[in-house]
C-alpha atoms as a PDB file:
ATOM      1  CA  MET A   1     -27.913 -50.697-118.057  1.00  0.00           C
ATOM      2  CA  VAL A   2     -30.957 -48.899-119.446  1.00  0.00           C
ATOM      3  CA  ASN A   3     -32.433 -45.922-118.975  1.00  0.00           C
ATOM      4  CA  ASN A   4     -35.197 -44.508-120.440  1.00  0.00           C
ATOM      5  CA  ILE A   5     -35.663 -40.687-120.858  1.00  0.00           C
ATOM      6  CA  ASP A   6     -38.448 -38.416-121.625  1.00  0.00           C
ATOM      7  CA  ALA A   7     -36.776 -36.507-124.680  1.00  0.00           C
ATOM      8  CA  ASN A   8     -37.690 -33.024-125.078  1.00  0.00           C
ATOM      9  CA  ILE A   9     -38.382 -32.289-129.170  1.00  0.00           C
ATOM     10  CA  GLY A  10     -37.119 -29.099-130.119  1.00  0.00           C
ATOM     11  CA  PRO A  11     -35.836 -27.476-133.461  1.00  0.00           C
ATOM     12  CA  CYS A  12     -34.457 -30.549-135.090  1.00  0.00           C
ATOM     13  CA  SER A  13     -32.369 -28.589-138.150  1.00  0.00           C
ATOM     14  CA  GLY A  14     -29.237 -30.883-138.165  1.00  0.00           C
ATOM     15  CA  ASP A  15     -27.024 -29.116-137.392  1.00  0.00           C
ATOM     16  CA  ASN A  16     -23.460 -31.047-136.299  1.00  0.00           C
ATOM     17  CA  ILE A  17     -24.727 -34.324-137.264  1.00  0.00           C
ATOM     18  CA  PHE A  18     -24.184 -36.880-139.058  1.00  0.00           C
ATOM     19  CA  VAL A  19     -25.928 -39.958-140.119  1.00  0.00           C
ATOM     20  CA  ILE A  20     -24.820 -43.292-141.734  1.00  0.00           C
ATOM     21  CA  ILE A  21     -26.507 -45.454-143.328  1.00  0.00           C
ATOM     22  CA  VAL A  22     -25.367 -49.134-143.391  1.00  0.00           C
ATOM     23  CA  ALA A  23     -26.938 -50.645-147.484  1.00  0.00           C
ATOM     24  CA  ALA A  24     -24.378 -53.097-147.684  1.00  0.00           C
ATOM     25  CA  GLY A  25     -25.726 -56.612-147.507  1.00  0.00           C
ATOM     26  CA  THR A  26     -26.471 -58.670-149.446  1.00  0.00           C
ATOM     27  CA  GLY A  27     -30.228 -59.384-148.222  1.00  0.00           C
ATOM     28  CA  SER A  28     -29.698 -63.295-148.979  1.00  0.00           C
ATOM     29  CA  ARG A  29     -32.264 -63.083-146.307  1.00  0.00           C
ATOM     30  CA  PHE A  30     -34.820 -62.135-148.445  1.00  0.00           C
ATOM     31  CA  GLY A  31     -34.358 -64.816-151.183  1.00  0.00           C
ATOM     32  CA  SER A  32     -34.149 -62.095-153.483  1.00  0.00           C
ATOM     33  CA  ASP A  33     -31.448 -61.563-156.398  1.00  0.00           C
ATOM     34  CA  VAL A  34     -31.306 -57.720-156.076  1.00  0.00           C
ATOM     35  CA  PRO A  35     -30.122 -57.044-152.185  1.00  0.00           C
ATOM     36  CA  LYS A  36     -33.772 -55.772-150.506  1.00  0.00           C
ATOM     37  CA  GLN A  37     -33.108 -52.312-149.647  1.00  0.00           C
ATOM     38  CA  PHE A  38     -32.570 -52.000-153.643  1.00  0.00           C
ATOM     39  CA  LEU A  39     -35.752 -53.232-153.788  1.00  0.00           C
ATOM     40  CA  THR A  40     -38.854 -51.166-155.302  1.00  0.00           C
ATOM     41  CA  LEU A  41     -41.463 -49.619-152.735  1.00  0.00           C
ATOM     42  CA  CYS A  42     -43.681 -48.262-154.041  1.00  0.00           C
ATOM     43  CA  GLY A  43     -42.205 -46.417-156.488  1.00  0.00           C
ATOM     44  CA  LYS A  44     -38.852 -46.085-155.396  1.00  0.00           C
ATOM     45  CA  PRO A  45     -36.298 -47.866-154.278  1.00  0.00           C
ATOM     46  CA  VAL A  46     -36.107 -48.765-150.344  1.00  0.00           C
ATOM     47  CA  LEU A  47     -32.690 -47.222-150.050  1.00  0.00           C
ATOM     48  CA  GLN A  48     -33.490 -44.070-151.266  1.00  0.00           C
ATOM     49  CA  ARG A  49     -36.618 -43.597-148.907  1.00  0.00           C
ATOM     50  CA  THR A  50     -34.578 -43.619-145.966  1.00  0.00           C
ATOM     51  CA  VAL A  51     -32.245 -41.757-147.755  1.00  0.00           C
ATOM     52  CA  GLU A  52     -35.521 -39.184-148.135  1.00  0.00           C
ATOM     53  CA  ALA A  53     -36.450 -39.677-144.688  1.00  0.00           C
ATOM     54  CA  PHE A  54     -33.308 -38.443-142.968  1.00  0.00           C
ATOM     55  CA  GLN A  55     -33.486 -35.708-145.848  1.00  0.00           C
ATOM     56  CA  LYS A  56     -36.622 -34.010-144.161  1.00  0.00           C
ATOM     57  CA  ALA A  57     -35.544 -35.221-140.935  1.00  0.00           C
ATOM     58  CA  LEU A  58     -32.241 -33.603-140.223  1.00  0.00           C
ATOM     59  CA  PRO A  59     -32.083 -31.043-143.088  1.00  0.00           C
ATOM     60  CA  ALA A  60     -28.598 -30.161-141.770  1.00  0.00           C
ATOM     61  CA  ALA A  61     -27.009 -33.628-141.744  1.00  0.00           C
ATOM     62  CA  ARG A  62     -24.147 -35.452-143.439  1.00  0.00           C
ATOM     63  CA  ILE A  63     -25.820 -38.122-145.144  1.00  0.00           C
ATOM     64  CA  VAL A  64     -23.117 -41.030-145.382  1.00  0.00           C
ATOM     65  CA  LEU A  65     -24.498 -44.288-147.209  1.00  0.00           C
ATOM     66  CA  VAL A  66     -22.417 -47.604-147.180  1.00  0.00           C
ATOM     67  CA  VAL A  67     -22.334 -49.319-150.181  1.00  0.00           C
ATOM     68  CA  SER A  68     -21.230 -52.823-152.089  1.00  0.00           C
ATOM     69  CA  GLU A  69     -18.761 -52.472-154.979  1.00  0.00           C
ATOM     70  CA  TRP A  70     -21.662 -53.732-156.875  1.00  0.00           C
ATOM     71  CA  GLY A  71     -24.020 -51.599-154.567  1.00  0.00           C
ATOM     72  CA  ARG A  72     -22.243 -49.008-155.437  1.00  0.00           C
ATOM     73  CA  GLU A  73     -23.011 -49.271-158.759  1.00  0.00           C
ATOM     74  CA  HIS A  74     -26.770 -50.975-158.870  1.00  0.00           C
ATOM     75  CA  TRP A  75     -27.304 -47.402-156.469  1.00  0.00           C
ATOM     76  CA  ALA A  76     -25.457 -45.079-159.283  1.00  0.00           C
ATOM     77  CA  GLU A  77     -28.402 -46.448-162.050  1.00  0.00           C
ATOM     78  CA  LEU A  78     -31.616 -46.543-159.936  1.00  0.00           C
ATOM     79  CA  CYS A  79     -30.720 -43.044-159.853  1.00  0.00           C
ATOM     80  CA  SER A  80     -29.527 -42.552-162.602  1.00  0.00           C
ATOM     81  CA  ASN A  81     -33.544 -43.621-163.232  1.00  0.00           C
ATOM     82  CA  THR A  82     -35.315 -41.480-161.274  1.00  0.00           C
ATOM     83  CA  GLY A  83     -33.172 -38.549-160.674  1.00  0.00           C
ATOM     84  CA  PHE A  84     -32.198 -38.168-157.291  1.00  0.00           C
ATOM     85  CA  GLU A  85     -29.310 -37.790-156.022  1.00  0.00           C
ATOM     86  CA  SER A  86     -27.412 -39.347-153.649  1.00  0.00           C
ATOM     87  CA  PRO A  87     -25.356 -38.463-150.739  1.00  0.00           C
ATOM     88  CA  GLU A  88     -22.169 -39.152-150.407  1.00  0.00           C
ATOM     89  CA  THR A  89     -21.067 -42.519-150.764  1.00  0.00           C
ATOM     90  CA  VAL A  90     -18.499 -45.370-149.071  1.00  0.00           C
ATOM     91  CA  ILE A  91     -17.840 -48.813-149.430  1.00  0.00           C
ATOM     92  CA  GLY A  92     -18.446 -51.784-146.642  1.00  0.00           C
ATOM     93  CA  GLY A  93     -16.898 -54.069-145.129  1.00  0.00           C
ATOM     94  CA  ALA A  94     -16.943 -58.173-145.251  1.00  0.00           C
ATOM     95  CA  SER A  95     -19.685 -57.358-141.652  1.00  0.00           C
ATOM     96  CA  ARG A  96     -21.743 -54.982-140.848  1.00  0.00           C
ATOM     97  CA  THR A  97     -18.873 -54.218-138.357  1.00  0.00           C
ATOM     98  CA  ASP A  98     -16.945 -53.190-140.777  1.00  0.00           C
ATOM     99  CA  SER A  99     -19.087 -51.398-142.846  1.00  0.00           C
ATOM    100  CA  VAL A 100     -20.302 -48.993-139.465  1.00  0.00           C
ATOM    101  CA  HIS A 101     -16.171 -48.518-138.984  1.00  0.00           C
ATOM    102  CA  ASN A 102     -15.138 -47.227-142.713  1.00  0.00           C
ATOM    103  CA  ALA A 103     -17.961 -45.105-142.717  1.00  0.00           C
ATOM    104  CA  LEU A 104     -16.926 -43.605-139.351  1.00  0.00           C
ATOM    105  CA  LYS A 105     -12.927 -43.269-140.578  1.00  0.00           C
ATOM    106  CA  HIS A 106     -14.236 -41.943-143.072  1.00  0.00           C
ATOM    107  CA  ILE A 107     -16.256 -38.938-141.825  1.00  0.00           C
ATOM    108  CA  HIS A 108     -13.323 -38.872-138.668  1.00  0.00           C
ATOM    109  CA  ASP A 109     -11.586 -35.820-139.822  1.00  0.00           C
ATOM    110  CA  GLN A 110     -15.057 -33.766-139.811  1.00  0.00           C
ATOM    111  CA  ILE A 111     -15.868 -34.663-136.409  1.00  0.00           C
ATOM    112  CA  ASP A 112     -15.514 -32.579-132.802  1.00  0.00           C
ATOM    113  CA  SER A 113     -16.024 -33.181-129.702  1.00  0.00           C
ATOM    114  CA  ARG A 114     -20.002 -32.155-130.068  1.00  0.00           C
ATOM    115  CA  SER A 115     -20.788 -34.095-132.816  1.00  0.00           C
ATOM    116  CA  VAL A 116     -22.842 -36.566-132.609  1.00  0.00           C
ATOM    117  CA  VAL A 117     -23.580 -39.659-135.727  1.00  0.00           C
ATOM    118  CA  LEU A 118     -26.401 -41.242-135.775  1.00  0.00           C
ATOM    119  CA  VAL A 119     -26.437 -45.517-137.101  1.00  0.00           C
ATOM    120  CA  HIS A 120     -29.214 -46.376-138.924  1.00  0.00           C
ATOM    121  CA  ASP A 121     -30.091 -49.468-141.671  1.00  0.00           C
ATOM    122  CA  GLY A 122     -30.462 -48.609-145.110  1.00  0.00           C
ATOM    123  CA  ALA A 123     -33.584 -50.992-145.386  1.00  0.00           C
ATOM    124  CA  ARG A 124     -35.398 -48.757-142.852  1.00  0.00           C
ATOM    125  CA  PRO A 125     -37.877 -46.747-144.801  1.00  0.00           C
ATOM    126  CA  LEU A 126     -40.027 -44.817-142.450  1.00  0.00           C
ATOM    127  CA  VAL A 127     -38.692 -43.774-140.064  1.00  0.00           C
ATOM    128  CA  LYS A 128     -40.029 -40.585-139.132  1.00  0.00           C
ATOM    129  CA  PRO A 129     -39.066 -37.317-137.878  1.00  0.00           C
ATOM    130  CA  GLU A 130     -40.491 -37.480-134.777  1.00  0.00           C
ATOM    131  CA  MET A 131     -39.029 -40.282-134.040  1.00  0.00           C
ATOM    132  CA  VAL A 132     -35.576 -38.612-134.983  1.00  0.00           C
ATOM    133  CA  ALA A 133     -35.883 -35.685-133.267  1.00  0.00           C
ATOM    134  CA  ARG A 134     -37.368 -37.821-129.707  1.00  0.00           C
ATOM    135  CA  ILE A 135     -33.237 -39.643-130.582  1.00  0.00           C
ATOM    136  CA  VAL A 136     -31.868 -36.183-131.143  1.00  0.00           C
ATOM    137  CA  ALA A 137     -33.058 -33.960-128.585  1.00  0.00           C
ATOM    138  CA  PRO A 138     -31.212 -35.274-125.175  1.00  0.00           C
ATOM    139  CA  PHE A 139     -28.408 -34.662-127.146  1.00  0.00           C
ATOM    140  CA  ALA A 140     -28.570 -30.870-126.145  1.00  0.00           C
ATOM    141  CA  ASP A 141     -26.738 -32.464-123.056  1.00  0.00           C
ATOM    142  CA  ALA A 142     -23.448 -32.753-123.238  1.00  0.00           C
ATOM    143  CA  ASP A 143     -22.823 -35.077-121.311  1.00  0.00           C
ATOM    144  CA  MET A 144     -25.325 -37.253-124.050  1.00  0.00           C
ATOM    145  CA  GLU A 145     -23.485 -40.502-125.223  1.00  0.00           C
ATOM    146  CA  ALA A 146     -25.945 -42.591-126.511  1.00  0.00           C
ATOM    147  CA  VAL A 147     -29.710 -42.421-127.023  1.00  0.00           C
ATOM    148  CA  LEU A 148     -31.855 -45.958-128.571  1.00  0.00           C
ATOM    149  CA  PRO A 149     -34.883 -45.739-129.715  1.00  0.00           C
ATOM    150  CA  VAL A 150     -36.445 -49.013-128.161  1.00  0.00           C
ATOM    151  CA  VAL A 151     -40.112 -50.636-128.699  1.00  0.00           C
ATOM    152  CA  ALA A 152     -41.792 -53.216-125.617  1.00  0.00           C
ATOM    153  CA  LEU A 153     -41.599 -56.539-126.925  1.00  0.00           C
ATOM    154  CA  THR A 154     -45.683 -58.097-127.671  1.00  0.00           C
ATOM    155  CA  GLU A 155     -45.459 -61.776-128.140  1.00  0.00           C
ATOM    156  CA  ALA A 156     -43.990 -64.708-125.180  1.00  0.00           C
ATOM    157  CA  VAL A 157     -40.730 -64.465-125.178  1.00  0.00           C
ATOM    158  CA  SER A 158     -38.467 -67.837-123.993  1.00  0.00           C
ATOM    159  CA  VAL A 159     -34.832 -68.334-122.843  1.00  0.00           C
ATOM    160  CA  VAL A 160     -33.578 -72.143-125.108  1.00  0.00           C
ATOM    161  CA  ASP A 161     -30.220 -73.248-123.435  1.00  0.00           C
ATOM    162  CA  PRO A 162     -28.264 -75.372-126.032  1.00  0.00           C
ATOM    163  CA  ASP A 163     -29.652 -78.761-124.551  1.00  0.00           C
ATOM    164  CA  GLY A 164     -33.145 -77.473-126.603  1.00  0.00           C
ATOM    165  CA  ASN A 165     -34.664 -76.448-123.449  1.00  0.00           C
ATOM    166  CA  VAL A 166     -36.758 -74.147-122.576  1.00  0.00           C
ATOM    167  CA  VAL A 167     -37.400 -71.239-120.374  1.00  0.00           C
ATOM    168  CA  PRO A 168     -40.382 -68.882-119.942  1.00  0.00           C
ATOM    169  CA  SER A 169     -38.912 -65.530-119.064  1.00  0.00           C
ATOM    170  CA  ASP A 170     -40.747 -61.839-118.678  1.00  0.00           C
ATOM    171  CA  ARG A 171     -41.028 -59.773-121.324  1.00  0.00           C
ATOM    172  CA  ALA A 172     -41.417 -56.884-119.293  1.00  0.00           C
ATOM    173  CA  LEU A 173     -37.710 -57.196-118.755  1.00  0.00           C
ATOM    174  CA  TYR A 174     -36.832 -57.378-122.804  1.00  0.00           C
ATOM    175  CA  ARG A 175     -37.011 -54.260-125.376  1.00  0.00           C
ATOM    176  CA  THR A 176     -36.615 -54.733-128.930  1.00  0.00           C
ATOM    177  CA  VAL A 177     -34.165 -51.549-130.043  1.00  0.00           C
ATOM    178  CA  GLN A 178     -34.462 -50.442-133.834  1.00  0.00           C
ATOM    179  CA  THR A 179     -32.297 -47.946-135.732  1.00  0.00           C
ATOM    180  CA  PRO A 180     -31.851 -45.395-136.004  1.00  0.00           C
ATOM    181  CA  GLN A 181     -29.259 -45.238-132.731  1.00  0.00           C
ATOM    182  CA  ALA A 182     -27.484 -41.945-131.917  1.00  0.00           C
ATOM    183  CA  PHE A 183     -24.431 -41.765-130.064  1.00  0.00           C
ATOM    184  CA  ARG A 184     -21.758 -38.737-129.018  1.00  0.00           C
ATOM    185  CA  ALA A 185     -19.318 -39.300-132.382  1.00  0.00           C
ATOM    186  CA  SER A 186     -16.076 -39.333-131.636  1.00  0.00           C
ATOM    187  CA  VAL A 187     -16.789 -41.365-128.363  1.00  0.00           C
ATOM    188  CA  LEU A 188     -18.962 -44.376-130.863  1.00  0.00           C
ATOM    189  CA  SER A 189     -14.857 -44.231-133.241  1.00  0.00           C
ATOM    190  CA  GLU A 190     -13.161 -44.543-130.482  1.00  0.00           C
ATOM    191  CA  ALA A 191     -15.489 -47.807-129.895  1.00  0.00           C
ATOM    192  CA  TYR A 192     -15.248 -48.600-133.433  1.00  0.00           C
ATOM    193  CA  ALA A 193     -10.769 -48.139-133.331  1.00  0.00           C
ATOM    194  CA  HIS A 194     -11.064 -50.340-130.283  1.00  0.00           C
ATOM    195  CA  CYS A 195     -13.319 -52.746-131.043  1.00  0.00           C
ATOM    196  CA  SER A 196     -12.245 -53.918-134.947  1.00  0.00           C
ATOM    197  CA  GLY A 197     -12.646 -56.775-135.461  1.00  0.00           C
ATOM    198  CA  ARG A 198     -14.856 -58.271-132.948  1.00  0.00           C
ATOM    199  CA  PRO A 199     -18.174 -59.663-134.155  1.00  0.00           C
ATOM    200  CA  LEU A 200     -20.480 -57.562-132.231  1.00  0.00           C
ATOM    201  CA  PRO A 201     -24.714 -57.398-133.292  1.00  0.00           C
ATOM    202  CA  ASP A 202     -24.547 -53.479-132.696  1.00  0.00           C
ATOM    203  CA  ASP A 203     -23.840 -49.802-132.625  1.00  0.00           C
ATOM    204  CA  ALA A 204     -24.591 -49.714-128.817  1.00  0.00           C
ATOM    205  CA  ALA A 205     -22.543 -54.082-128.630  1.00  0.00           C
ATOM    206  CA  VAL A 206     -19.542 -51.900-129.332  1.00  0.00           C
ATOM    207  CA  TYR A 207     -20.028 -48.540-127.759  1.00  0.00           C
ATOM    208  CA  HIS A 208     -20.935 -50.466-124.513  1.00  0.00           C
ATOM    209  CA  ALA A 209     -18.169 -53.558-124.953  1.00  0.00           C
ATOM    210  CA  TYR A 210     -16.052 -49.968-125.095  1.00  0.00           C
ATOM    211  CA  THR A 211     -17.762 -47.254-122.529  1.00  0.00           C
ATOM    212  CA  GLY A 212     -19.592 -49.713-120.403  1.00  0.00           C
ATOM    213  CA  ARG A 213     -21.942 -47.204-119.626  1.00  0.00           C
ATOM    214  CA  PRO A 214     -25.476 -46.680-119.522  1.00  0.00           C
ATOM    215  CA  LEU A 215     -27.560 -46.768-122.162  1.00  0.00           C
ATOM    216  CA  HIS A 216     -30.363 -44.481-122.596  1.00  0.00           C
ATOM    217  CA  THR A 217     -33.676 -45.277-124.881  1.00  0.00           C
ATOM    218  CA  VAL A 218     -36.238 -43.477-125.986  1.00  0.00           C
ATOM    219  CA  ASP A 219     -39.194 -44.371-127.439  1.00  0.00           C
ATOM    220  CA  GLY A 220     -39.431 -45.955-130.558  1.00  0.00           C
ATOM    221  CA  ASP A 221     -41.849 -46.613-133.281  1.00  0.00           C
ATOM    222  CA  TYR A 222     -44.226 -49.688-134.136  1.00  0.00           C
ATOM    223  CA  GLY A 223     -43.605 -48.694-137.689  1.00  0.00           C
ATOM    224  CA  ASN A 224     -40.473 -48.105-138.223  1.00  0.00           C
ATOM    225  CA  ILE A 225     -40.181 -51.993-139.253  1.00  0.00           C
ATOM    226  CA  LYS A 226     -36.921 -53.188-140.801  1.00  0.00           C
ATOM    227  CA  ILE A 227     -37.729 -54.909-144.476  1.00  0.00           C
ATOM    228  CA  THR A 228     -35.965 -57.789-144.175  1.00  0.00           C
ATOM    229  CA  ASN A 229     -38.335 -60.288-145.852  1.00  0.00           C
ATOM    230  CA  PRO A 230     -41.178 -60.374-148.668  1.00  0.00           C
ATOM    231  CA  ALA A 231     -43.926 -59.483-145.764  1.00  0.00           C
ATOM    232  CA  ASP A 232     -42.247 -56.842-144.463  1.00  0.00           C
ATOM    233  CA  LEU A 233     -41.963 -54.950-147.925  1.00  0.00           C
ATOM    234  CA  ALA A 234     -45.686 -55.619-148.612  1.00  0.00           C
ATOM    235  CA  ILE A 235     -46.246 -54.072-145.208  1.00  0.00           C
ATOM    236  CA  ALA A 236     -43.982 -50.635-145.965  1.00  0.00           C
ATOM    237  CA  SER A 237     -46.494 -50.986-149.251  1.00  0.00           C
ATOM    238  CA  MET A 238     -49.211 -50.577-146.624  1.00  0.00           C
ATOM    239  CA  LEU A 239     -48.218 -47.679-144.158  1.00  0.00           C
ATOM    240  CA  ILE A 240     -47.487 -45.367-147.130  1.00  0.00           C
ATOM    241  CA  ASP A 241     -50.689 -46.202-148.639  1.00  0.00           C
ATOM    242  CA  GLN A 242     -52.059 -45.332-145.464  1.00  0.00           C
ATOM    243  CA  GLN A 243     -49.846 -42.300-144.746  1.00  0.00           C
END
């Protein structure tokens, strides 16, 4: 179940908030020898821009980067070249699920019942402070456990069954889910421990598989694109030039 909520945007310093930025992928779909999160975007590595976006939106939050073994060395070299001070890093796992779980285990001793964790894709460098504020604000309610940013679909949608039959569907019933996805940290940690090893697509799926409870949504941002192919990098560059 998905419930849309109107978030009252207030001060959002980042106290008691953790941000996990997942950047352990190989970028195979991008077609580059270098993973997309380490490519240069308007003079800076994509991942640096992602980190800086959260440092601006949540100055007091604790940021944890999840990278591969090779990625940690390459990232350290990039930071040295640009003079950027990296947040702490954690080595990822064989899948995105494993990578997020590793980061949750890393922060486990620092979280309490009020802590909030945001999980974000390292290849989404254009996340805006206003959207982060919309996502975090509902956690002022102690009963809030999960908030997702979503945007409406803009094109027609059809369901294709295993036999290749196409059945048109009503796009108004669907939303594209972006990141960061935010959760009460203790609950998401329990969910990942319970669902360890299951091939679930994202953090919302892990949360729902464990709790069965509703997922609340706020408005996402069409400009919060995920860099997946070279065209996305070009689009991100144009959006930055327009800022």
